[in-house]
Amino acid sequence: MKILITGGVKSGKSRQAEMRMLKMAQTQKPVYLATTELLDPEMEKRIAEHRQQRGEKFRTIEEPLDLTGTLAETKAPVLIECMTMWLNNALHHQLPESKIFAEIESLLLLENDIVFVLNEVGLGIIPDNPLSRKFADLSGRIAQMLAEACDEVNWCVAGILVKIK
């Protein structure tokens, strides 16, 4: 089963995704694939808080770019936190769009149960610079691609999941 949980920043989607994954995994220890790169002290603090919050419930793997390759050997259910940061990394490392979308397609072909977390970035104004517009456009296209392919899609608002699909 593939599930997409989307919502705004600090909407509660990560907590909801963790609870959903633990329920799906049942007796298996799920993989928590963390995509955020440690780039500054503030991000280091956020990552430490997330690690502490998860505790030992997940097997954490930290990988900023090669998600499919990292998951190739695991059969466990996977929570990918988050596709938005992964896209940020892909743009930072100047991956071409073809590689970005090929990675999404490859993830969707994995037999693992996967919960994808993705920030909704398309509800605000059109960004004022080319890189931000490219990020918003690609994020929207990734959201549509995941939503179409996933078995279930949820929108998180104020910590509450609203089932879309």
N, C-alpha and C. Protein backbone atom coordinates (compact mmCIF):
# COMPACT_ATOMS: atom_id res chain seq x y z
N MET A 1 0.84 -1.18 0.00
CA MET A 1 0.00 0.00 0.00
C MET A 1 0.89 1.24 0.00
N LYS A 2 0.50 2.21 -0.77
CA LYS A 2 1.20 3.49 -0.83
C LYS A 2 0.22 4.57 -0.35
N ILE A 3 0.70 5.41 0.56
CA ILE A 3 -0.14 6.45 1.16
C ILE A 3 0.60 7.78 1.07
N LEU A 4 -0.11 8.83 0.70
CA LEU A 4 0.42 10.19 0.70
C LEU A 4 -0.29 10.98 1.79
N ILE A 5 0.52 11.62 2.64
CA ILE A 5 -0.02 12.55 3.63
C ILE A 5 0.59 13.91 3.33
N THR A 6 -0.27 14.86 3.01
CA THR A 6 0.18 16.20 2.66
C THR A 6 -0.49 17.21 3.59
N GLY A 7 0.04 18.39 3.62
CA GLY A 7 -0.50 19.46 4.46
C GLY A 7 0.53 20.56 4.59
N GLY A 8 0.17 21.59 5.27
CA GLY A 8 1.06 22.73 5.45
C GLY A 8 2.16 22.46 6.46
N VAL A 9 3.08 23.40 6.55
CA VAL A 9 4.16 23.32 7.52
C VAL A 9 3.56 23.32 8.93
N LYS A 10 4.03 22.41 9.77
CA LYS A 10 3.58 22.27 11.16
C LYS A 10 2.08 21.96 11.27
N SER A 11 1.54 21.28 10.26
CA SER A 11 0.11 20.93 10.28
C SER A 11 -0.16 19.67 11.09
N GLY A 12 0.90 18.92 11.45
CA GLY A 12 0.73 17.67 12.16
C GLY A 12 0.87 16.45 11.26
N LYS A 13 1.22 16.67 10.00
CA LYS A 13 1.29 15.56 9.05
C LYS A 13 2.36 14.54 9.41
N SER A 14 3.48 14.96 9.94
CA SER A 14 4.54 14.01 10.31
C SER A 14 4.09 13.10 11.45
N ARG A 15 3.47 13.68 12.45
CA ARG A 15 2.98 12.88 13.57
C ARG A 15 1.91 11.89 13.09
N GLN A 16 1.02 12.37 12.24
CA GLN A 16 -0.01 11.49 11.69
C GLN A 16 0.60 10.38 10.84
N ALA A 17 1.63 10.72 10.07
CA ALA A 17 2.30 9.72 9.22
C ALA A 17 2.98 8.66 10.08
N GLU A 18 3.61 9.09 11.16
CA GLU A 18 4.26 8.13 12.06
C GLU A 18 3.24 7.18 12.68
N MET A 19 2.11 7.72 13.13
CA MET A 19 1.09 6.87 13.72
C MET A 19 0.51 5.90 12.68
N ARG A 20 0.30 6.39 11.49
CA ARG A 20 -0.25 5.54 10.42
C ARG A 20 0.72 4.43 10.07
N MET A 21 2.01 4.77 9.98
CA MET A 21 3.01 3.77 9.64
C MET A 21 3.13 2.70 10.72
N LEU A 22 3.13 3.11 11.98
CA LEU A 22 3.22 2.13 13.06
C LEU A 22 2.02 1.19 13.05
N LYS A 23 0.87 1.71 12.73
CA LYS A 23 -0.32 0.88 12.63
C LYS A 23 -0.21 -0.10 11.46
N MET A 24 0.29 0.38 10.33
CA MET A 24 0.46 -0.47 9.15
C MET A 24 1.49 -1.57 9.38
N ALA A 25 2.56 -1.21 10.06
CA ALA A 25 3.70 -2.13 10.23
C ALA A 25 3.37 -3.30 11.13
N GLN A 26 2.43 -3.10 12.04
CA GLN A 26 2.02 -4.12 13.01
C GLN A 26 3.23 -4.64 13.78
N THR A 27 3.71 -5.85 13.49
CA THR A 27 4.81 -6.44 14.26
C THR A 27 6.18 -6.11 13.68
N GLN A 28 6.23 -5.59 12.47
CA GLN A 28 7.52 -5.24 11.86
C GLN A 28 8.00 -3.88 12.38
N LYS A 29 9.32 -3.71 12.43
CA LYS A 29 9.87 -2.40 12.76
C LYS A 29 10.02 -1.63 11.45
N PRO A 30 9.26 -0.56 11.27
CA PRO A 30 9.32 0.17 10.01
C PRO A 30 10.59 1.02 9.88
N VAL A 31 10.89 1.34 8.63
CA VAL A 31 12.01 2.22 8.31
C VAL A 31 11.51 3.65 8.26
N TYR A 32 12.26 4.54 8.88
CA TYR A 32 11.99 5.98 8.81
C TYR A 32 13.10 6.55 7.94
N LEU A 33 12.78 6.88 6.69
CA LEU A 33 13.77 7.41 5.76
C LEU A 33 13.74 8.93 5.86
N ALA A 34 14.72 9.48 6.56
CA ALA A 34 14.81 10.93 6.80
C ALA A 34 15.63 11.56 5.68
N THR A 35 15.07 12.56 5.02
CA THR A 35 15.72 13.15 3.86
C THR A 35 16.42 14.47 4.13
N THR A 36 16.21 15.07 5.29
CA THR A 36 16.76 16.39 5.56
C THR A 36 18.26 16.35 5.75
N GLU A 37 18.94 17.22 5.04
CA GLU A 37 20.39 17.36 5.21
C GLU A 37 20.67 18.31 6.37
N LEU A 38 21.66 17.96 7.16
CA LEU A 38 22.06 18.76 8.30
C LEU A 38 22.96 19.89 7.80
N LEU A 39 22.37 21.09 7.71
CA LEU A 39 23.10 22.21 7.10
C LEU A 39 23.39 23.36 8.06
N ASP A 40 22.68 23.43 9.19
CA ASP A 40 22.90 24.55 10.10
C ASP A 40 22.47 24.15 11.51
N PRO A 41 22.87 24.92 12.53
CA PRO A 41 22.56 24.56 13.92
C PRO A 41 21.06 24.46 14.22
N GLU A 42 20.26 25.32 13.62
CA GLU A 42 18.82 25.27 13.86
C GLU A 42 18.24 23.96 13.31
N MET A 43 18.70 23.54 12.13
CA MET A 43 18.23 22.28 11.55
C MET A 43 18.73 21.10 12.37
N GLU A 44 19.93 21.21 12.91
CA GLU A 44 20.47 20.16 13.77
C GLU A 44 19.56 19.96 14.99
N LYS A 45 19.09 21.06 15.56
CA LYS A 45 18.20 20.99 16.72
C LYS A 45 16.88 20.32 16.34
N ARG A 46 16.32 20.70 15.20
CA ARG A 46 15.05 20.11 14.74
C ARG A 46 15.21 18.60 14.52
N ILE A 47 16.31 18.21 13.90
CA ILE A 47 16.55 16.78 13.63
C ILE A 47 16.68 16.02 14.94
N ALA A 48 17.40 16.58 15.90
CA ALA A 48 17.56 15.92 17.21
C ALA A 48 16.20 15.74 17.89
N GLU A 49 15.34 16.76 17.80
CA GLU A 49 14.00 16.65 18.40
C GLU A 49 13.18 15.55 17.73
N HIS A 50 13.28 15.47 16.41
CA HIS A 50 12.56 14.42 15.68
C HIS A 50 13.08 13.03 16.06
N ARG A 51 14.40 12.90 16.16
CA ARG A 51 14.98 11.61 16.55
C ARG A 51 14.48 11.18 17.93
N GLN A 52 14.48 12.12 18.87
CA GLN A 52 14.03 11.82 20.24
C GLN A 52 12.55 11.45 20.25
N GLN A 53 11.76 12.17 19.48
CA GLN A 53 10.32 11.91 19.41
C GLN A 53 10.04 10.49 18.87
N ARG A 54 10.79 10.07 17.85
CA ARG A 54 10.60 8.74 17.27
C ARG A 54 11.04 7.63 18.19
N GLY A 55 12.10 7.90 18.95
CA GLY A 55 12.64 6.88 19.84
C GLY A 55 13.09 5.66 19.06
N GLU A 56 12.81 4.49 19.61
CA GLU A 56 13.24 3.23 19.01
C GLU A 56 12.14 2.55 18.20
N LYS A 57 11.06 3.26 17.93
CA LYS A 57 9.93 2.66 17.22
C LYS A 57 10.22 2.40 15.75
N PHE A 58 11.20 3.14 15.20
CA PHE A 58 11.56 3.04 13.79
C PHE A 58 13.05 2.72 13.66
N ARG A 59 13.42 2.13 12.54
CA ARG A 59 14.83 2.03 12.15
C ARG A 59 15.07 3.22 11.23
N THR A 60 15.83 4.19 11.70
CA THR A 60 16.04 5.42 10.95
C THR A 60 17.21 5.28 9.99
N ILE A 61 16.97 5.70 8.76
CA ILE A 61 18.00 5.81 7.73
C ILE A 61 17.97 7.25 7.26
N GLU A 62 19.13 7.89 7.24
CA GLU A 62 19.21 9.27 6.77
C GLU A 62 19.85 9.27 5.38
N GLU A 63 19.10 9.74 4.39
CA GLU A 63 19.58 9.78 3.01
C GLU A 63 18.91 10.94 2.29
N PRO A 64 19.71 11.92 1.84
CA PRO A 64 19.13 13.11 1.23
C PRO A 64 18.73 12.98 -0.24
N LEU A 65 19.28 12.01 -0.98
CA LEU A 65 19.01 11.96 -2.43
C LEU A 65 18.58 10.60 -2.97
N ASP A 66 19.36 9.56 -2.73
CA ASP A 66 19.14 8.25 -3.34
C ASP A 66 18.16 7.40 -2.54
N LEU A 67 16.90 7.73 -2.64
CA LEU A 67 15.89 7.06 -1.83
C LEU A 67 15.67 5.61 -2.28
N THR A 68 15.49 5.42 -3.57
CA THR A 68 15.23 4.07 -4.07
C THR A 68 16.42 3.15 -3.83
N GLY A 69 17.61 3.61 -4.12
CA GLY A 69 18.81 2.80 -3.89
C GLY A 69 18.97 2.44 -2.43
N THR A 70 18.64 3.36 -1.56
CA THR A 70 18.75 3.13 -0.11
C THR A 70 17.75 2.07 0.36
N LEU A 71 16.60 2.03 -0.29
CA LEU A 71 15.55 1.10 0.13
C LEU A 71 15.59 -0.24 -0.60
N ALA A 72 16.50 -0.39 -1.53
CA ALA A 72 16.52 -1.58 -2.39
C ALA A 72 16.58 -2.89 -1.62
N GLU A 73 17.25 -2.91 -0.48
CA GLU A 73 17.45 -4.16 0.26
C GLU A 73 16.44 -4.40 1.38
N THR A 74 15.59 -3.43 1.65
CA THR A 74 14.66 -3.60 2.76
C THR A 74 13.28 -4.03 2.27
N LYS A 75 12.65 -4.89 3.02
CA LYS A 75 11.28 -5.32 2.72
C LYS A 75 10.30 -4.71 3.72
N ALA A 76 10.83 -4.00 4.71
CA ALA A 76 10.00 -3.41 5.76
C ALA A 76 9.16 -2.25 5.21
N PRO A 77 8.08 -1.92 5.88
CA PRO A 77 7.33 -0.72 5.52
C PRO A 77 8.20 0.52 5.75
N VAL A 78 7.94 1.56 4.95
CA VAL A 78 8.81 2.75 4.97
C VAL A 78 7.98 4.02 5.09
N LEU A 79 8.44 4.91 5.95
CA LEU A 79 7.92 6.27 6.04
C LEU A 79 8.99 7.18 5.46
N ILE A 80 8.66 7.92 4.42
CA ILE A 80 9.62 8.86 3.83
C ILE A 80 9.25 10.26 4.30
N GLU A 81 10.15 10.84 5.10
CA GLU A 81 9.94 12.14 5.74
C GLU A 81 11.07 13.07 5.33
N CYS A 82 10.99 13.95 4.46
CA CYS A 82 9.80 14.14 3.67
C CYS A 82 10.20 14.40 2.23
N MET A 83 9.26 14.25 1.34
CA MET A 83 9.52 14.43 -0.08
C MET A 83 9.81 15.90 -0.41
N THR A 84 9.31 16.81 0.39
CA THR A 84 9.57 18.23 0.17
C THR A 84 11.05 18.55 0.40
N MET A 85 11.61 18.02 1.48
CA MET A 85 13.04 18.23 1.73
C MET A 85 13.88 17.50 0.69
N TRP A 86 13.42 16.32 0.26
CA TRP A 86 14.14 15.60 -0.79
C TRP A 86 14.18 16.44 -2.06
N LEU A 87 13.06 17.06 -2.43
CA LEU A 87 13.04 17.93 -3.62
C LEU A 87 13.98 19.11 -3.42
N ASN A 88 13.99 19.70 -2.24
CA ASN A 88 14.92 20.79 -1.94
C ASN A 88 16.36 20.33 -2.17
N ASN A 89 16.68 19.13 -1.68
CA ASN A 89 18.03 18.58 -1.87
C ASN A 89 18.34 18.37 -3.35
N ALA A 90 17.37 17.83 -4.07
CA ALA A 90 17.56 17.56 -5.50
C ALA A 90 17.85 18.85 -6.26
N LEU A 91 17.14 19.91 -5.93
CA LEU A 91 17.40 21.19 -6.59
C LEU A 91 18.74 21.77 -6.16
N HIS A 92 19.05 21.65 -4.87
CA HIS A 92 20.34 22.14 -4.36
C HIS A 92 21.52 21.45 -5.07
N HIS A 93 21.36 20.14 -5.30
CA HIS A 93 22.42 19.37 -5.96
C HIS A 93 22.27 19.36 -7.48
N GLN A 94 21.35 20.18 -7.98
CA GLN A 94 21.13 20.41 -9.41
C GLN A 94 20.81 19.14 -10.20
N LEU A 95 19.98 18.28 -9.61
CA LEU A 95 19.50 17.12 -10.36
C LEU A 95 18.54 17.60 -11.44
N PRO A 96 18.66 17.04 -12.63
CA PRO A 96 17.71 17.42 -13.69
C PRO A 96 16.31 16.88 -13.39
N GLU A 97 15.31 17.54 -13.94
CA GLU A 97 13.92 17.12 -13.71
C GLU A 97 13.71 15.66 -14.08
N SER A 98 14.36 15.21 -15.13
CA SER A 98 14.19 13.82 -15.55
C SER A 98 14.60 12.85 -14.43
N LYS A 99 15.67 13.17 -13.72
CA LYS A 99 16.11 12.31 -12.61
C LYS A 99 15.16 12.43 -11.41
N ILE A 100 14.65 13.60 -11.18
CA ILE A 100 13.71 13.81 -10.08
C ILE A 100 12.48 12.92 -10.28
N PHE A 101 11.90 12.98 -11.46
CA PHE A 101 10.68 12.21 -11.71
C PHE A 101 10.97 10.72 -11.88
N ALA A 102 12.14 10.37 -12.36
CA ALA A 102 12.52 8.96 -12.44
C ALA A 102 12.63 8.36 -11.03
N GLU A 103 13.14 9.14 -10.09
CA GLU A 103 13.24 8.66 -8.71
C GLU A 103 11.85 8.42 -8.11
N ILE A 104 10.92 9.30 -8.38
CA ILE A 104 9.55 9.12 -7.88
C ILE A 104 8.94 7.85 -8.49
N GLU A 105 9.10 7.68 -9.78
CA GLU A 105 8.58 6.48 -10.45
C GLU A 105 9.18 5.22 -9.84
N SER A 106 10.48 5.24 -9.58
CA SER A 106 11.15 4.08 -8.99
C SER A 106 10.63 3.78 -7.59
N LEU A 107 10.40 4.82 -6.81
CA LEU A 107 9.85 4.63 -5.46
C LEU A 107 8.48 3.96 -5.53
N LEU A 108 7.68 4.40 -6.45
CA LEU A 108 6.33 3.86 -6.58
C LEU A 108 6.32 2.41 -7.03
N LEU A 109 7.40 1.96 -7.65
CA LEU A 109 7.50 0.56 -8.10
C LEU A 109 7.96 -0.38 -7.00
N LEU A 110 8.50 0.16 -5.90
CA LEU A 110 8.94 -0.69 -4.81
C LEU A 110 7.75 -1.44 -4.22
N GLU A 111 7.99 -2.67 -3.79
CA GLU A 111 6.92 -3.48 -3.23
C GLU A 111 6.60 -3.12 -1.78
N ASN A 112 7.45 -2.35 -1.14
CA ASN A 112 7.23 -1.95 0.25
C ASN A 112 5.94 -1.16 0.41
N ASP A 113 5.32 -1.28 1.58
CA ASP A 113 4.30 -0.31 1.96
C ASP A 113 5.06 0.98 2.24
N ILE A 114 4.57 2.09 1.70
CA ILE A 114 5.26 3.38 1.87
C ILE A 114 4.26 4.45 2.24
N VAL A 115 4.61 5.26 3.25
CA VAL A 115 3.88 6.48 3.57
C VAL A 115 4.79 7.63 3.18
N PHE A 116 4.31 8.44 2.24
CA PHE A 116 5.03 9.62 1.78
C PHE A 116 4.50 10.84 2.52
N VAL A 117 5.40 11.70 2.99
CA VAL A 117 5.00 12.98 3.58
C VAL A 117 5.47 14.07 2.62
N LEU A 118 4.57 15.00 2.32
CA LEU A 118 4.87 16.08 1.37
C LEU A 118 4.16 17.35 1.82
N ASN A 119 4.91 18.45 1.92
CA ASN A 119 4.28 19.73 2.26
C ASN A 119 3.46 20.23 1.08
N GLU A 120 2.31 20.79 1.39
CA GLU A 120 1.51 21.45 0.36
C GLU A 120 2.05 22.87 0.26
N VAL A 121 2.59 23.22 -0.90
CA VAL A 121 3.17 24.56 -1.06
C VAL A 121 2.39 25.41 -2.06
N GLY A 122 1.30 24.89 -2.57
CA GLY A 122 0.59 25.58 -3.63
C GLY A 122 -0.60 26.43 -3.22
N LEU A 123 -0.72 26.75 -1.95
CA LEU A 123 -1.88 27.52 -1.51
C LEU A 123 -1.59 29.01 -1.34
N GLY A 124 -0.34 29.40 -1.51
CA GLY A 124 0.02 30.80 -1.32
C GLY A 124 0.13 31.53 -2.65
N ILE A 125 0.82 32.63 -2.59
CA ILE A 125 1.02 33.43 -3.80
C ILE A 125 2.10 32.80 -4.67
N ILE A 126 2.17 33.21 -5.91
CA ILE A 126 3.22 32.75 -6.80
C ILE A 126 4.53 33.37 -6.33
N PRO A 127 5.57 32.53 -6.10
CA PRO A 127 6.84 33.07 -5.61
C PRO A 127 7.44 34.12 -6.55
N ASP A 128 8.27 34.98 -5.96
CA ASP A 128 8.81 36.11 -6.71
C ASP A 128 10.14 35.86 -7.39
N ASN A 129 10.67 34.61 -7.31
CA ASN A 129 11.95 34.36 -7.96
C ASN A 129 11.92 33.01 -8.68
N PRO A 130 12.76 32.85 -9.70
CA PRO A 130 12.71 31.65 -10.54
C PRO A 130 12.92 30.34 -9.78
N LEU A 131 13.87 30.30 -8.83
CA LEU A 131 14.13 29.05 -8.11
C LEU A 131 12.92 28.66 -7.26
N SER A 132 12.33 29.62 -6.57
CA SER A 132 11.15 29.33 -5.75
C SER A 132 9.97 28.90 -6.61
N ARG A 133 9.81 29.54 -7.78
CA ARG A 133 8.73 29.12 -8.68
C ARG A 133 8.96 27.70 -9.19
N LYS A 134 10.21 27.38 -9.52
CA LYS A 134 10.53 26.03 -9.97
C LYS A 134 10.24 25.01 -8.86
N PHE A 135 10.63 25.35 -7.63
CA PHE A 135 10.37 24.47 -6.49
C PHE A 135 8.86 24.23 -6.33
N ALA A 136 8.08 25.30 -6.35
CA ALA A 136 6.62 25.17 -6.18
C ALA A 136 6.02 24.36 -7.32
N ASP A 137 6.46 24.61 -8.54
CA ASP A 137 5.94 23.87 -9.70
C ASP A 137 6.27 22.38 -9.60
N LEU A 138 7.53 22.07 -9.29
CA LEU A 138 7.93 20.66 -9.18
C LEU A 138 7.23 19.98 -8.02
N SER A 139 7.09 20.68 -6.91
CA SER A 139 6.40 20.11 -5.76
C SER A 139 4.95 19.78 -6.11
N GLY A 140 4.30 20.68 -6.81
CA GLY A 140 2.92 20.43 -7.23
C GLY A 140 2.82 19.24 -8.17
N ARG A 141 3.76 19.13 -9.09
CA ARG A 141 3.75 18.00 -10.03
C ARG A 141 4.02 16.69 -9.29
N ILE A 142 4.94 16.72 -8.31
CA ILE A 142 5.22 15.53 -7.51
C ILE A 142 3.98 15.14 -6.70
N ALA A 143 3.31 16.12 -6.12
CA ALA A 143 2.09 15.86 -5.35
C ALA A 143 1.05 15.18 -6.23
N GLN A 144 0.87 15.67 -7.43
CA GLN A 144 -0.11 15.08 -8.35
C GLN A 144 0.28 13.66 -8.74
N MET A 145 1.57 13.46 -9.00
CA MET A 145 2.06 12.13 -9.38
C MET A 145 1.86 11.12 -8.25
N LEU A 146 2.23 11.52 -7.04
CA LEU A 146 2.06 10.64 -5.89
C LEU A 146 0.58 10.38 -5.61
N ALA A 147 -0.23 11.43 -5.65
CA ALA A 147 -1.65 11.28 -5.35
C ALA A 147 -2.33 10.34 -6.34
N GLU A 148 -1.96 10.44 -7.59
CA GLU A 148 -2.55 9.56 -8.60
C GLU A 148 -2.16 8.10 -8.36
N ALA A 149 -0.92 7.87 -7.97
CA ALA A 149 -0.41 6.51 -7.82
C ALA A 149 -0.73 5.88 -6.47
N CYS A 150 -0.89 6.69 -5.44
CA CYS A 150 -1.10 6.14 -4.10
C CYS A 150 -2.50 5.58 -3.93
N ASP A 151 -2.58 4.59 -3.06
CA ASP A 151 -3.86 3.96 -2.75
C ASP A 151 -4.73 4.86 -1.87
N GLU A 152 -4.06 5.70 -1.10
CA GLU A 152 -4.76 6.56 -0.15
C GLU A 152 -4.04 7.91 -0.11
N VAL A 153 -4.83 8.98 -0.04
CA VAL A 153 -4.28 10.34 0.05
C VAL A 153 -5.01 11.06 1.18
N ASN A 154 -4.24 11.69 2.07
CA ASN A 154 -4.80 12.42 3.20
C ASN A 154 -4.22 13.82 3.25
N TRP A 155 -5.06 14.76 3.64
CA TRP A 155 -4.68 16.16 3.86
C TRP A 155 -4.71 16.38 5.36
N CYS A 156 -3.66 16.95 5.92
CA CYS A 156 -3.61 17.18 7.35
C CYS A 156 -3.80 18.67 7.64
N VAL A 157 -4.77 18.96 8.49
CA VAL A 157 -5.07 20.33 8.89
C VAL A 157 -5.19 20.35 10.41
N ALA A 158 -4.37 21.16 11.07
CA ALA A 158 -4.43 21.31 12.52
C ALA A 158 -4.36 19.96 13.23
N GLY A 159 -3.53 19.07 12.69
CA GLY A 159 -3.33 17.77 13.31
C GLY A 159 -4.40 16.73 13.01
N ILE A 160 -5.36 17.09 12.17
CA ILE A 160 -6.46 16.18 11.83
C ILE A 160 -6.34 15.77 10.37
N LEU A 161 -6.41 14.45 10.13
CA LEU A 161 -6.36 13.96 8.75
C LEU A 161 -7.74 14.02 8.11
N VAL A 162 -7.76 14.50 6.89
CA VAL A 162 -8.97 14.50 6.08
C VAL A 162 -8.67 13.61 4.88
N LYS A 163 -9.42 12.54 4.74
CA LYS A 163 -9.18 11.62 3.65
C LYS A 163 -9.67 12.22 2.33
N ILE A 164 -8.77 12.23 1.35
CA ILE A 164 -9.10 12.75 0.03
C ILE A 164 -9.39 11.61 -0.94
N LYS A 165 -8.60 10.55 -0.78
CA LYS A 165 -8.73 9.40 -1.69
C LYS A 165 -8.54 8.13 -0.88
